[in-house]
């Protein structure tokens, strides 16, 4: 396989990997934890894309690396729909992410949802949060602030395109404020374009050499 084809295959592989896993970027950074029990806590969110079908949160089992004796349940309500998902105690990590998946909700983009988390078990469980309310589109109740979470979508390709669009917009905004960033960004784009041109030229040259040897 020629170098240009190898590069193309690598790019397609990276895109396929992104499309298989891309959801919305993670929201908020961890500051502390909020206990979750049978009374539950709730986080309001607004998904950016249709096909909303999973939520990832960060859990704390207070040193129990093998999980807890209990079940974490998620109830998702919004857009006239209700979904439920659960994670068994053995699948709940200490200081790590757990994903709760449910059937996709069509027409979820831009609509408010409530994520209700409840836990019943013999061992304590908590969810990581940021108490300073960094997520503008929702809030954690009754504790205040926001959970550390990310949202996922059944439309993986759409999610990937949406994520790329957000990244480009954020980069453009930063470039407008920071001339140094703008220079680095432009140089990086030129370097990528130049690498592509060189690979194609090398591929053509190799093809001509092979033809002349015949």
N, C-alpha and C. Protein backbone atom coordinates (compact mmCIF):
# COMPACT_ATOMS: atom_id res chain seq x y z
N UNK A 1 0.86 -1.20 0.00
CA UNK A 1 0.00 0.00 0.00
C UNK A 1 0.88 1.24 0.00
N UNK A 2 0.59 2.23 -0.85
CA UNK A 2 1.38 3.45 -0.93
C UNK A 2 1.17 4.31 0.31
N UNK A 3 2.10 5.28 0.47
CA UNK A 3 2.03 6.12 1.66
C UNK A 3 0.75 6.95 1.71
N UNK A 4 0.35 7.47 0.55
CA UNK A 4 -0.87 8.30 0.55
C UNK A 4 -2.08 7.46 0.91
N UNK A 5 -2.10 6.20 0.44
CA UNK A 5 -3.22 5.34 0.78
C UNK A 5 -3.19 4.96 2.25
N UNK A 6 -1.96 4.75 2.78
CA UNK A 6 -1.84 4.48 4.21
C UNK A 6 -2.36 5.66 5.03
N UNK A 7 -1.99 6.87 4.60
CA UNK A 7 -2.46 8.06 5.32
C UNK A 7 -3.97 8.17 5.25
N UNK A 8 -4.54 7.89 4.06
CA UNK A 8 -6.00 7.95 3.91
C UNK A 8 -6.67 6.92 4.79
N UNK A 9 -6.10 5.69 4.82
CA UNK A 9 -6.67 4.64 5.67
C UNK A 9 -6.62 5.03 7.13
N UNK A 10 -5.50 5.65 7.54
CA UNK A 10 -5.38 6.07 8.94
C UNK A 10 -6.41 7.13 9.28
N UNK A 11 -6.62 8.08 8.33
CA UNK A 11 -7.62 9.13 8.56
C UNK A 11 -9.01 8.54 8.67
N UNK A 12 -9.34 7.60 7.76
CA UNK A 12 -10.65 6.96 7.82
C UNK A 12 -10.83 6.16 9.10
N UNK A 13 -9.76 5.50 9.54
CA UNK A 13 -9.84 4.75 10.79
C UNK A 13 -10.09 5.65 11.98
N UNK A 14 -9.41 6.81 11.98
CA UNK A 14 -9.62 7.76 13.08
C UNK A 14 -11.05 8.29 13.05
N UNK A 15 -11.57 8.58 11.84
CA UNK A 15 -12.94 9.07 11.73
C UNK A 15 -13.93 8.01 12.19
N UNK A 16 -13.69 6.75 11.81
CA UNK A 16 -14.59 5.66 12.23
C UNK A 16 -14.59 5.52 13.74
N UNK A 17 -13.41 5.63 14.35
CA UNK A 17 -13.34 5.53 15.80
C UNK A 17 -14.09 6.67 16.46
N UNK A 18 -13.95 7.87 15.89
CA UNK A 18 -14.67 9.01 16.45
C UNK A 18 -16.16 8.82 16.33
N UNK A 19 -16.61 8.32 15.17
CA UNK A 19 -18.04 8.16 14.94
C UNK A 19 -18.63 7.07 15.83
N UNK A 20 -17.81 6.13 16.28
CA UNK A 20 -18.33 5.05 17.11
C UNK A 20 -18.45 5.46 18.56
N UNK A 21 -17.82 6.56 18.95
CA UNK A 21 -17.81 6.89 20.37
C UNK A 21 -18.14 8.33 20.69
N UNK A 22 -18.27 9.18 19.67
CA UNK A 22 -18.42 10.60 19.95
C UNK A 22 -19.79 10.94 20.52
N UNK A 23 -19.79 11.62 21.62
CA UNK A 23 -20.99 12.20 22.17
C UNK A 23 -20.71 13.67 22.41
N UNK A 24 -21.45 14.29 23.27
CA UNK A 24 -21.11 15.66 23.61
C UNK A 24 -19.88 15.66 24.51
N UNK A 25 -19.10 16.73 24.43
CA UNK A 25 -17.95 16.80 25.33
C UNK A 25 -18.37 16.74 26.78
N UNK A 26 -17.48 16.24 27.63
CA UNK A 26 -17.78 16.19 29.06
C UNK A 26 -18.03 17.57 29.63
N UNK A 27 -18.95 17.65 30.55
CA UNK A 27 -19.30 18.93 31.14
C UNK A 27 -18.82 18.99 32.59
N UNK A 28 -18.16 20.07 32.93
CA UNK A 28 -17.70 20.41 34.27
C UNK A 28 -16.50 19.59 34.71
N UNK A 29 -15.75 20.13 35.63
CA UNK A 29 -14.62 19.43 36.25
C UNK A 29 -14.98 19.10 37.69
N UNK A 30 -14.40 18.01 38.20
CA UNK A 30 -14.77 17.53 39.54
C UNK A 30 -14.19 18.42 40.63
N UNK A 31 -15.01 18.72 41.61
CA UNK A 31 -14.57 19.46 42.79
C UNK A 31 -14.82 18.63 44.05
N UNK A 32 -16.03 18.09 44.18
CA UNK A 32 -16.38 17.28 45.33
C UNK A 32 -17.41 16.24 44.91
N UNK A 33 -18.05 15.60 45.88
CA UNK A 33 -19.05 14.59 45.55
C UNK A 33 -20.35 14.91 46.27
N UNK A 34 -21.44 14.37 45.72
CA UNK A 34 -22.74 14.49 46.36
C UNK A 34 -23.28 13.08 46.56
N UNK A 35 -23.68 12.71 47.78
CA UNK A 35 -24.21 11.36 48.01
C UNK A 35 -25.50 11.14 47.24
N UNK A 36 -25.70 9.92 46.79
CA UNK A 36 -26.95 9.56 46.11
C UNK A 36 -27.53 8.35 46.82
N UNK A 37 -28.85 8.42 47.12
CA UNK A 37 -29.51 7.33 47.85
C UNK A 37 -30.90 7.12 47.26
N UNK A 38 -31.78 6.52 48.01
CA UNK A 38 -33.12 6.22 47.49
C UNK A 38 -33.91 7.49 47.20
N UNK A 39 -33.62 8.59 47.92
CA UNK A 39 -34.31 9.86 47.66
C UNK A 39 -33.87 10.45 46.34
N UNK A 40 -32.61 10.24 45.98
CA UNK A 40 -32.11 10.62 44.67
C UNK A 40 -31.69 12.06 44.52
N UNK A 41 -31.00 12.31 43.41
CA UNK A 41 -30.64 13.67 42.98
C UNK A 41 -30.99 13.76 41.50
N UNK A 42 -31.13 14.97 40.99
CA UNK A 42 -31.46 15.14 39.58
C UNK A 42 -30.61 16.24 38.96
N UNK A 43 -30.30 16.06 37.68
CA UNK A 43 -29.54 17.04 36.91
C UNK A 43 -30.34 17.36 35.66
N UNK A 44 -30.57 18.64 35.42
CA UNK A 44 -31.24 19.04 34.18
C UNK A 44 -30.19 19.30 33.11
N UNK A 45 -30.50 18.89 31.86
CA UNK A 45 -29.56 19.02 30.75
C UNK A 45 -30.32 19.40 29.49
N UNK A 46 -29.58 19.86 28.49
CA UNK A 46 -30.14 20.14 27.17
C UNK A 46 -29.21 19.52 26.13
N UNK A 47 -29.54 18.33 25.60
CA UNK A 47 -28.70 17.69 24.59
C UNK A 47 -28.57 18.56 23.34
N UNK A 48 -27.41 18.49 22.71
CA UNK A 48 -27.18 19.29 21.51
C UNK A 48 -27.58 18.57 20.24
N UNK A 49 -27.83 17.25 20.32
CA UNK A 49 -28.05 16.45 19.13
C UNK A 49 -29.23 15.51 19.34
N UNK A 50 -29.90 15.14 18.25
CA UNK A 50 -30.98 14.15 18.33
C UNK A 50 -30.42 12.76 18.63
N UNK A 51 -31.32 11.86 19.04
CA UNK A 51 -30.90 10.49 19.32
C UNK A 51 -30.22 10.33 20.67
N UNK A 52 -30.51 11.21 21.60
CA UNK A 52 -29.95 11.15 22.96
C UNK A 52 -30.19 9.75 23.53
N UNK A 53 -29.09 9.03 23.89
CA UNK A 53 -29.28 7.64 24.31
C UNK A 53 -28.37 7.15 25.42
N UNK A 54 -27.58 8.03 26.04
CA UNK A 54 -26.76 7.57 27.16
C UNK A 54 -26.21 8.74 27.96
N UNK A 55 -25.92 8.46 29.21
CA UNK A 55 -25.36 9.45 30.13
C UNK A 55 -24.19 8.80 30.85
N UNK A 56 -23.09 9.51 30.92
CA UNK A 56 -21.92 9.03 31.67
C UNK A 56 -21.69 9.96 32.85
N UNK A 57 -21.58 9.39 34.03
CA UNK A 57 -21.29 10.15 35.24
C UNK A 57 -20.06 9.53 35.92
N UNK A 58 -19.47 10.26 36.84
CA UNK A 58 -18.30 9.78 37.57
C UNK A 58 -18.72 9.43 38.99
N UNK A 59 -18.43 8.22 39.42
CA UNK A 59 -18.91 7.71 40.70
C UNK A 59 -17.78 7.56 41.72
N UNK A 60 -18.16 7.62 42.97
CA UNK A 60 -17.24 7.39 44.09
C UNK A 60 -17.82 6.31 45.00
N UNK A 61 -17.07 5.23 45.19
CA UNK A 61 -17.51 4.14 46.07
C UNK A 61 -16.73 4.12 47.37
N UNK A 62 -15.91 5.15 47.58
CA UNK A 62 -15.16 5.32 48.83
C UNK A 62 -14.24 4.12 49.10
N UNK A 63 -13.44 3.82 48.07
CA UNK A 63 -12.40 2.81 48.23
C UNK A 63 -12.79 1.41 47.84
N UNK A 64 -14.02 1.17 47.45
CA UNK A 64 -14.45 -0.18 47.06
C UNK A 64 -14.21 -0.35 45.55
N UNK A 65 -13.00 -0.79 45.20
CA UNK A 65 -12.64 -0.93 43.80
C UNK A 65 -13.43 -2.03 43.10
N UNK A 66 -13.93 -2.99 43.84
CA UNK A 66 -14.71 -4.07 43.24
C UNK A 66 -16.17 -3.75 43.06
N UNK A 67 -16.55 -2.50 43.32
CA UNK A 67 -17.95 -2.11 43.19
C UNK A 67 -18.65 -2.08 44.54
N UNK A 68 -19.95 -1.89 44.49
CA UNK A 68 -20.75 -1.79 45.72
C UNK A 68 -21.89 -2.80 45.67
N UNK A 69 -22.47 -3.03 46.82
CA UNK A 69 -23.63 -3.92 46.91
C UNK A 69 -24.88 -3.07 46.75
N UNK A 70 -25.28 -2.85 45.50
CA UNK A 70 -26.45 -2.00 45.25
C UNK A 70 -26.61 -1.76 43.76
N UNK A 71 -27.60 -0.93 43.42
CA UNK A 71 -27.90 -0.63 42.01
C UNK A 71 -28.13 0.87 41.87
N UNK A 72 -27.47 1.46 40.85
CA UNK A 72 -27.69 2.86 40.51
C UNK A 72 -28.69 2.91 39.36
N UNK A 73 -29.77 3.66 39.55
CA UNK A 73 -30.83 3.74 38.54
C UNK A 73 -30.93 5.16 38.00
N UNK A 74 -31.11 5.26 36.69
CA UNK A 74 -31.29 6.54 36.03
C UNK A 74 -32.66 6.58 35.37
N UNK A 75 -33.40 7.66 35.62
CA UNK A 75 -34.66 7.92 34.91
C UNK A 75 -34.51 9.22 34.14
N UNK A 76 -34.75 9.14 32.83
CA UNK A 76 -34.59 10.31 31.94
C UNK A 76 -35.98 10.73 31.47
N UNK A 77 -36.34 11.98 31.72
CA UNK A 77 -37.64 12.50 31.28
C UNK A 77 -37.44 13.78 30.49
N UNK A 78 -38.20 13.91 29.39
CA UNK A 78 -38.12 15.10 28.56
C UNK A 78 -38.61 14.80 27.17
N UNK A 79 -38.97 15.83 26.43
CA UNK A 79 -39.48 15.70 25.07
C UNK A 79 -40.67 14.76 25.00
N UNK A 80 -41.46 14.72 26.06
CA UNK A 80 -42.62 13.84 26.11
C UNK A 80 -42.28 12.37 26.24
N UNK A 81 -41.04 12.04 26.61
CA UNK A 81 -40.59 10.67 26.70
C UNK A 81 -40.02 10.39 28.09
N UNK A 82 -39.95 9.10 28.43
CA UNK A 82 -39.29 8.66 29.66
C UNK A 82 -38.47 7.41 29.36
N UNK A 83 -37.24 7.40 29.85
CA UNK A 83 -36.35 6.26 29.65
C UNK A 83 -35.73 5.89 31.00
N UNK A 84 -35.39 4.62 31.17
CA UNK A 84 -34.71 4.18 32.39
C UNK A 84 -33.50 3.35 32.02
N UNK A 85 -32.52 3.36 32.90
CA UNK A 85 -31.31 2.56 32.75
C UNK A 85 -30.77 2.28 34.15
N UNK A 86 -29.94 1.26 34.27
CA UNK A 86 -29.41 0.91 35.58
C UNK A 86 -28.00 0.36 35.43
N UNK A 87 -27.20 0.53 36.48
CA UNK A 87 -25.85 -0.03 36.55
C UNK A 87 -25.77 -0.87 37.82
N UNK A 88 -25.39 -2.14 37.67
CA UNK A 88 -25.23 -3.02 38.82
C UNK A 88 -24.01 -2.60 39.62
N UNK A 89 -24.04 -2.89 40.92
CA UNK A 89 -22.97 -2.45 41.81
C UNK A 89 -21.59 -2.88 41.39
N UNK A 90 -21.47 -4.09 40.83
CA UNK A 90 -20.17 -4.58 40.41
C UNK A 90 -19.59 -3.83 39.23
N UNK A 91 -20.43 -3.08 38.51
CA UNK A 91 -19.97 -2.30 37.35
C UNK A 91 -19.72 -0.85 37.69
N UNK A 92 -19.86 -0.48 38.96
CA UNK A 92 -19.70 0.91 39.37
C UNK A 92 -18.29 1.10 39.93
N UNK A 93 -17.44 1.90 39.27
CA UNK A 93 -16.05 2.06 39.73
C UNK A 93 -15.91 3.10 40.82
N UNK A 94 -14.78 3.05 41.48
CA UNK A 94 -14.43 4.10 42.44
C UNK A 94 -13.62 5.16 41.71
N UNK A 95 -14.09 6.38 41.75
CA UNK A 95 -13.43 7.51 41.09
C UNK A 95 -13.27 7.28 39.59
N UNK A 96 -14.32 6.77 38.96
CA UNK A 96 -14.28 6.51 37.53
C UNK A 96 -15.64 6.68 36.90
N UNK A 97 -15.71 6.65 35.55
CA UNK A 97 -16.97 6.87 34.85
C UNK A 97 -17.80 5.61 34.73
N UNK A 98 -19.10 5.77 34.76
CA UNK A 98 -20.04 4.69 34.47
C UNK A 98 -21.07 5.24 33.48
N UNK A 99 -21.36 4.45 32.44
CA UNK A 99 -22.29 4.88 31.40
C UNK A 99 -23.61 4.13 31.54
N UNK A 100 -24.70 4.87 31.53
CA UNK A 100 -26.04 4.30 31.57
C UNK A 100 -26.71 4.58 30.24
N UNK A 101 -27.01 3.50 29.50
CA UNK A 101 -27.56 3.63 28.15
C UNK A 101 -29.03 3.24 28.13
N UNK A 102 -29.77 3.86 27.22
CA UNK A 102 -31.22 3.65 27.11
C UNK A 102 -31.63 3.83 25.66
N UNK A 103 -32.84 3.42 25.29
CA UNK A 103 -33.29 3.60 23.90
C UNK A 103 -33.25 5.07 23.49
N UNK A 104 -32.81 5.35 22.26
CA UNK A 104 -32.65 6.75 21.82
C UNK A 104 -33.95 7.54 21.88
N UNK A 105 -33.80 8.82 22.17
CA UNK A 105 -34.93 9.75 22.15
C UNK A 105 -34.81 10.60 20.89
N UNK A 106 -35.74 10.42 19.97
CA UNK A 106 -35.72 11.22 18.74
C UNK A 106 -36.12 12.66 19.07
N UNK A 107 -35.59 13.59 18.31
CA UNK A 107 -35.96 14.99 18.50
C UNK A 107 -35.49 15.56 19.82
N UNK A 108 -34.35 15.09 20.33
CA UNK A 108 -33.87 15.55 21.64
C UNK A 108 -33.06 16.84 21.57
N UNK A 109 -32.57 17.20 20.39
CA UNK A 109 -31.68 18.36 20.28
C UNK A 109 -32.34 19.63 20.77
N UNK A 110 -31.65 20.31 21.69
CA UNK A 110 -32.11 21.61 22.17
C UNK A 110 -33.29 21.57 23.11
N UNK A 111 -33.68 20.38 23.59
CA UNK A 111 -34.85 20.28 24.47
C UNK A 111 -34.39 19.90 25.88
N UNK A 112 -35.06 20.41 26.90
CA UNK A 112 -34.64 20.14 28.28
C UNK A 112 -35.02 18.73 28.73
N UNK A 113 -34.11 18.11 29.47
CA UNK A 113 -34.34 16.79 30.06
C UNK A 113 -33.93 16.82 31.52
N UNK A 114 -34.57 15.96 32.30
CA UNK A 114 -34.18 15.78 33.70
C UNK A 114 -33.62 14.38 33.87
N UNK A 115 -32.42 14.30 34.45
CA UNK A 115 -31.78 13.03 34.74
C UNK A 115 -31.94 12.76 36.23
N UNK A 116 -32.73 11.75 36.58
CA UNK A 116 -32.96 11.41 37.98
C UNK A 116 -32.13 10.19 38.38
N UNK A 117 -31.23 10.35 39.34
CA UNK A 117 -30.37 9.27 39.80
C UNK A 117 -30.81 8.81 41.19
N UNK A 118 -31.00 7.50 41.32
CA UNK A 118 -31.32 6.92 42.63
C UNK A 118 -30.45 5.70 42.86
N UNK A 119 -30.15 5.47 44.13
CA UNK A 119 -29.29 4.34 44.48
C UNK A 119 -29.82 3.65 45.72
N UNK A 120 -29.87 2.34 45.65
CA UNK A 120 -30.24 1.53 46.80
C UNK A 120 -29.20 0.44 46.99
N UNK A 121 -28.62 0.39 48.17
CA UNK A 121 -27.59 -0.62 48.41
C UNK A 121 -27.04 -0.54 49.82
N UNK A 122 -26.25 -1.56 50.16
CA UNK A 122 -25.68 -1.63 51.51
C UNK A 122 -24.49 -0.70 51.69
N UNK A 123 -23.79 -0.39 50.59
CA UNK A 123 -22.61 0.47 50.66
C UNK A 123 -22.93 1.87 50.14
N UNK A 124 -22.25 2.89 50.65
CA UNK A 124 -22.53 4.26 50.19
C UNK A 124 -22.03 4.50 48.77
N UNK A 125 -22.68 5.42 48.08
CA UNK A 125 -22.31 5.80 46.72
C UNK A 125 -22.48 7.30 46.56
N UNK A 126 -21.60 7.91 45.78
CA UNK A 126 -21.70 9.34 45.52
C UNK A 126 -21.37 9.61 44.06
N UNK A 127 -21.81 10.76 43.57
CA UNK A 127 -21.52 11.21 42.21
C UNK A 127 -20.67 12.47 42.29
N UNK A 128 -19.68 12.55 41.43
CA UNK A 128 -18.83 13.74 41.42
C UNK A 128 -19.59 14.93 40.85
N UNK A 129 -19.27 16.11 41.39
CA UNK A 129 -19.94 17.33 40.94
C UNK A 129 -19.00 18.52 41.04
N UNK A 130 -19.44 19.63 40.45
CA UNK A 130 -18.81 20.93 40.60
C UNK A 130 -19.85 21.84 41.23
N UNK A 131 -19.61 22.37 42.45
CA UNK A 131 -20.64 23.16 43.14
C UNK A 131 -20.82 24.58 42.61
N UNK A 132 -19.98 24.98 41.64
CA UNK A 132 -20.00 26.38 41.21
C UNK A 132 -20.85 26.61 39.97
N UNK A 133 -21.72 25.67 39.64
CA UNK A 133 -22.71 25.83 38.57
C UNK A 133 -22.06 26.20 37.23
N UNK A 134 -21.10 25.38 36.75
CA UNK A 134 -20.42 25.73 35.49
C UNK A 134 -21.23 25.41 34.23
N UNK A 135 -22.27 24.55 34.35
CA UNK A 135 -23.06 24.15 33.18
C UNK A 135 -24.26 25.07 33.07
N UNK A 136 -24.25 25.94 32.06
CA UNK A 136 -25.27 27.00 31.96
C UNK A 136 -26.65 26.47 31.60
N UNK A 137 -26.73 25.28 30.98
CA UNK A 137 -28.01 24.78 30.48
C UNK A 137 -28.76 23.89 31.47
N UNK A 138 -28.28 23.79 32.71
CA UNK A 138 -28.97 22.94 33.68
C UNK A 138 -28.38 23.11 35.06
N UNK A 139 -28.90 22.31 35.99
CA UNK A 139 -28.41 22.38 37.37
C UNK A 139 -28.67 21.08 38.09
N UNK A 140 -27.92 20.88 39.16
CA UNK A 140 -28.07 19.72 40.02
C UNK A 140 -29.00 20.08 41.18
N UNK A 141 -30.00 19.21 41.42
CA UNK A 141 -30.95 19.45 42.49
C UNK A 141 -30.98 18.24 43.42
N UNK A 142 -31.10 18.42 44.72
CA UNK A 142 -31.19 19.70 45.44
C UNK A 142 -29.84 20.26 45.87
N UNK A 143 -28.74 19.59 45.51
CA UNK A 143 -27.44 19.97 46.07
C UNK A 143 -26.88 21.26 45.49
N UNK A 144 -27.27 21.63 44.26
CA UNK A 144 -26.70 22.81 43.62
C UNK A 144 -25.46 22.46 42.83
N UNK A 145 -25.06 23.37 41.94
CA UNK A 145 -23.93 23.10 41.06
C UNK A 145 -24.35 22.19 39.92
N UNK A 146 -23.41 21.37 39.45
CA UNK A 146 -23.68 20.44 38.36
C UNK A 146 -22.88 19.16 38.54
N UNK A 147 -23.45 18.05 38.11
CA UNK A 147 -22.71 16.79 38.11
C UNK A 147 -21.59 16.85 37.07
N UNK A 148 -20.61 15.98 37.24
CA UNK A 148 -19.59 15.75 36.21
C UNK A 148 -20.19 14.70 35.27
N UNK A 149 -20.51 15.08 34.03
CA UNK A 149 -21.24 14.18 33.15
C UNK A 149 -20.93 14.46 31.69
N UNK A 150 -21.30 13.51 30.84
CA UNK A 150 -21.33 13.72 29.40
C UNK A 150 -22.55 13.00 28.84
N UNK A 151 -23.04 13.46 27.70
CA UNK A 151 -24.21 12.89 27.05
C UNK A 151 -23.78 12.23 25.75
N UNK A 152 -24.51 11.16 25.36
CA UNK A 152 -24.20 10.47 24.12
C UNK A 152 -25.41 10.38 23.23
N UNK A 153 -25.19 10.00 21.97
CA UNK A 153 -26.24 10.01 20.96
C UNK A 153 -26.16 8.78 20.08
N UNK A 154 -27.32 8.28 19.66
CA UNK A 154 -27.37 7.14 18.75
C UNK A 154 -26.82 7.51 17.39
N UNK A 155 -27.00 8.77 16.98
CA UNK A 155 -26.48 9.25 15.71
C UNK A 155 -25.01 9.59 15.88
N UNK A 156 -24.15 8.55 15.81
CA UNK A 156 -22.73 8.75 16.09
C UNK A 156 -22.08 9.68 15.07
N UNK A 157 -22.43 9.51 13.77
CA UNK A 157 -21.85 10.37 12.74
C UNK A 157 -22.26 11.82 12.98
N UNK A 158 -23.56 12.02 13.26
CA UNK A 158 -24.03 13.37 13.56
C UNK A 158 -23.34 13.94 14.79
N UNK A 159 -23.14 13.10 15.79
CA UNK A 159 -22.44 13.54 16.99
C UNK A 159 -21.01 13.95 16.70
N UNK A 160 -20.35 13.17 15.83
CA UNK A 160 -18.97 13.50 15.47
C UNK A 160 -18.91 14.83 14.73
N UNK A 161 -19.82 15.01 13.76
CA UNK A 161 -19.85 16.26 13.00
C UNK A 161 -20.15 17.44 13.92
N UNK A 162 -21.10 17.23 14.84
CA UNK A 162 -21.45 18.29 15.79
C UNK A 162 -20.26 18.65 16.67
N UNK A 163 -19.53 17.61 17.15
CA UNK A 163 -18.37 17.86 18.00
C UNK A 163 -17.28 18.59 17.23
N UNK A 164 -17.05 18.19 15.95
CA UNK A 164 -16.06 18.87 15.14
C UNK A 164 -16.45 20.33 14.90
N UNK A 165 -17.75 20.56 14.67
CA UNK A 165 -18.21 21.92 14.47
C UNK A 165 -18.00 22.78 15.70
N UNK A 166 -18.31 22.20 16.89
CA UNK A 166 -18.10 22.96 18.13
C UNK A 166 -16.62 23.26 18.32
N UNK A 167 -15.74 22.28 18.03
CA UNK A 167 -14.31 22.49 18.19
C UNK A 167 -13.82 23.60 17.27
N UNK A 168 -14.31 23.60 16.02
CA UNK A 168 -13.89 24.63 15.07
C UNK A 168 -14.36 26.02 15.53
N UNK A 169 -15.60 26.08 16.01
CA UNK A 169 -16.12 27.38 16.48
C UNK A 169 -15.33 27.88 17.69
N UNK A 170 -15.02 26.96 18.61
CA UNK A 170 -14.25 27.36 19.79
C UNK A 170 -12.85 27.82 19.39
N UNK A 171 -12.23 27.12 18.43
CA UNK A 171 -10.90 27.50 17.97
C UNK A 171 -10.95 28.88 17.30
N UNK A 172 -12.00 29.11 16.48
CA UNK A 172 -12.12 30.40 15.81
C UNK A 172 -12.31 31.53 16.81
N UNK A 173 -13.11 31.28 17.85
CA UNK A 173 -13.33 32.30 18.88
C UNK A 173 -12.03 32.62 19.61
N UNK A 174 -11.29 31.55 19.96
CA UNK A 174 -10.00 31.75 20.65
C UNK A 174 -9.02 32.48 19.76
N UNK A 175 -9.00 32.12 18.46
CA UNK A 175 -8.08 32.78 17.53
C UNK A 175 -8.38 34.27 17.43
N UNK A 176 -9.67 34.63 17.49
CA UNK A 176 -10.04 36.03 17.41
C UNK A 176 -9.55 36.84 18.60
N UNK A 177 -9.41 36.16 19.74
CA UNK A 177 -8.96 36.86 20.95
C UNK A 177 -7.44 36.80 21.14
N UNK A 178 -6.79 35.79 20.53
CA UNK A 178 -5.39 35.53 20.82
C UNK A 178 -4.60 35.41 19.51
N UNK A 179 -3.84 36.45 19.12
CA UNK A 179 -3.08 36.41 17.87
C UNK A 179 -2.06 35.27 17.82
N UNK A 180 -1.45 34.93 18.96
CA UNK A 180 -0.48 33.84 19.00
C UNK A 180 -1.16 32.52 18.65
N UNK A 181 -2.33 32.29 19.26
CA UNK A 181 -3.09 31.08 18.95
C UNK A 181 -3.46 31.04 17.48
N UNK A 182 -3.86 32.18 16.93
CA UNK A 182 -4.23 32.25 15.51
C UNK A 182 -3.05 31.83 14.64
N UNK A 183 -1.85 32.32 14.96
CA UNK A 183 -0.67 31.99 14.17
C UNK A 183 -0.37 30.49 14.23
N UNK A 184 -0.44 29.92 15.44
CA UNK A 184 -0.17 28.49 15.59
C UNK A 184 -1.22 27.68 14.85
N UNK A 185 -2.47 28.09 14.93
CA UNK A 185 -3.57 27.38 14.28
C UNK A 185 -3.38 27.37 12.76
N UNK A 186 -3.05 28.55 12.18
CA UNK A 186 -2.84 28.64 10.74
C UNK A 186 -1.65 27.79 10.31
N UNK A 187 -0.55 27.86 11.08
CA UNK A 187 0.63 27.07 10.74
C UNK A 187 0.34 25.57 10.79
N UNK A 188 -0.48 25.16 11.77
CA UNK A 188 -0.84 23.74 11.87
C UNK A 188 -1.66 23.31 10.67
N UNK A 189 -2.62 24.14 10.24
CA UNK A 189 -3.42 23.82 9.06
C UNK A 189 -2.55 23.73 7.81
N UNK A 190 -1.58 24.67 7.66
CA UNK A 190 -0.68 24.65 6.51
C UNK A 190 0.20 23.41 6.53
N UNK A 191 0.64 23.01 7.75
CA UNK A 191 1.48 21.82 7.86
C UNK A 191 0.72 20.57 7.44
N UNK A 192 -0.54 20.47 7.86
CA UNK A 192 -1.35 19.31 7.47
C UNK A 192 -1.56 19.29 5.96
N UNK A 193 -1.89 20.46 5.38
CA UNK A 193 -2.08 20.53 3.93
C UNK A 193 -0.80 20.19 3.19
N UNK A 194 0.34 20.70 3.67
CA UNK A 194 1.62 20.41 3.02
C UNK A 194 1.97 18.94 3.08
N UNK A 195 1.70 18.31 4.21
CA UNK A 195 1.98 16.88 4.33
C UNK A 195 1.16 16.09 3.33
N UNK A 196 -0.10 16.48 3.14
CA UNK A 196 -0.94 15.80 2.16
C UNK A 196 -0.40 15.95 0.74
N UNK A 197 0.05 17.17 0.39
CA UNK A 197 0.59 17.41 -0.94
C UNK A 197 1.85 16.58 -1.16
N UNK A 198 2.74 16.53 -0.15
CA UNK A 198 3.98 15.77 -0.28
C UNK A 198 3.71 14.28 -0.44
N UNK A 199 2.74 13.77 0.30
CA UNK A 199 2.41 12.35 0.18
C UNK A 199 1.89 12.02 -1.21
N UNK A 200 1.04 12.88 -1.75
CA UNK A 200 0.50 12.63 -3.09
C UNK A 200 1.61 12.71 -4.14
N UNK A 201 2.53 13.67 -3.98
CA UNK A 201 3.63 13.80 -4.93
C UNK A 201 4.53 12.58 -4.88
N UNK A 202 4.82 12.10 -3.67
CA UNK A 202 5.67 10.91 -3.53
C UNK A 202 4.99 9.69 -4.14
N UNK A 203 3.68 9.62 -3.99
CA UNK A 203 2.93 8.49 -4.56
C UNK A 203 3.01 8.52 -6.09
N UNK A 204 2.84 9.71 -6.68
CA UNK A 204 2.91 9.82 -8.14
C UNK A 204 4.31 9.48 -8.64
N UNK A 205 5.34 9.96 -7.91
CA UNK A 205 6.71 9.68 -8.31
C UNK A 205 7.00 8.18 -8.27
N UNK A 206 6.51 7.51 -7.23
CA UNK A 206 6.71 6.07 -7.12
C UNK A 206 6.01 5.36 -8.26
N UNK A 207 4.83 5.85 -8.65
CA UNK A 207 4.10 5.25 -9.77
C UNK A 207 4.84 5.41 -11.08
N UNK A 208 5.45 6.59 -11.30
CA UNK A 208 6.21 6.81 -12.54
C UNK A 208 7.45 5.93 -12.58
N UNK A 209 8.14 5.78 -11.44
CA UNK A 209 9.35 4.94 -11.39
C UNK A 209 8.99 3.50 -11.70
N UNK A 210 7.87 3.04 -11.14
CA UNK A 210 7.45 1.66 -11.40
C UNK A 210 7.13 1.46 -12.87
N UNK A 211 6.50 2.44 -13.49
CA UNK A 211 6.14 2.33 -14.90
C UNK A 211 7.38 2.33 -15.80
N UNK A 212 8.39 3.16 -15.44
CA UNK A 212 9.61 3.20 -16.26
C UNK A 212 10.41 1.91 -16.18
N UNK A 213 10.36 1.21 -15.04
CA UNK A 213 11.09 -0.05 -14.90
C UNK A 213 10.47 -1.17 -15.71
N UNK A 214 9.18 -1.01 -16.06
CA UNK A 214 8.55 -2.03 -16.89
C UNK A 214 9.07 -1.96 -18.33
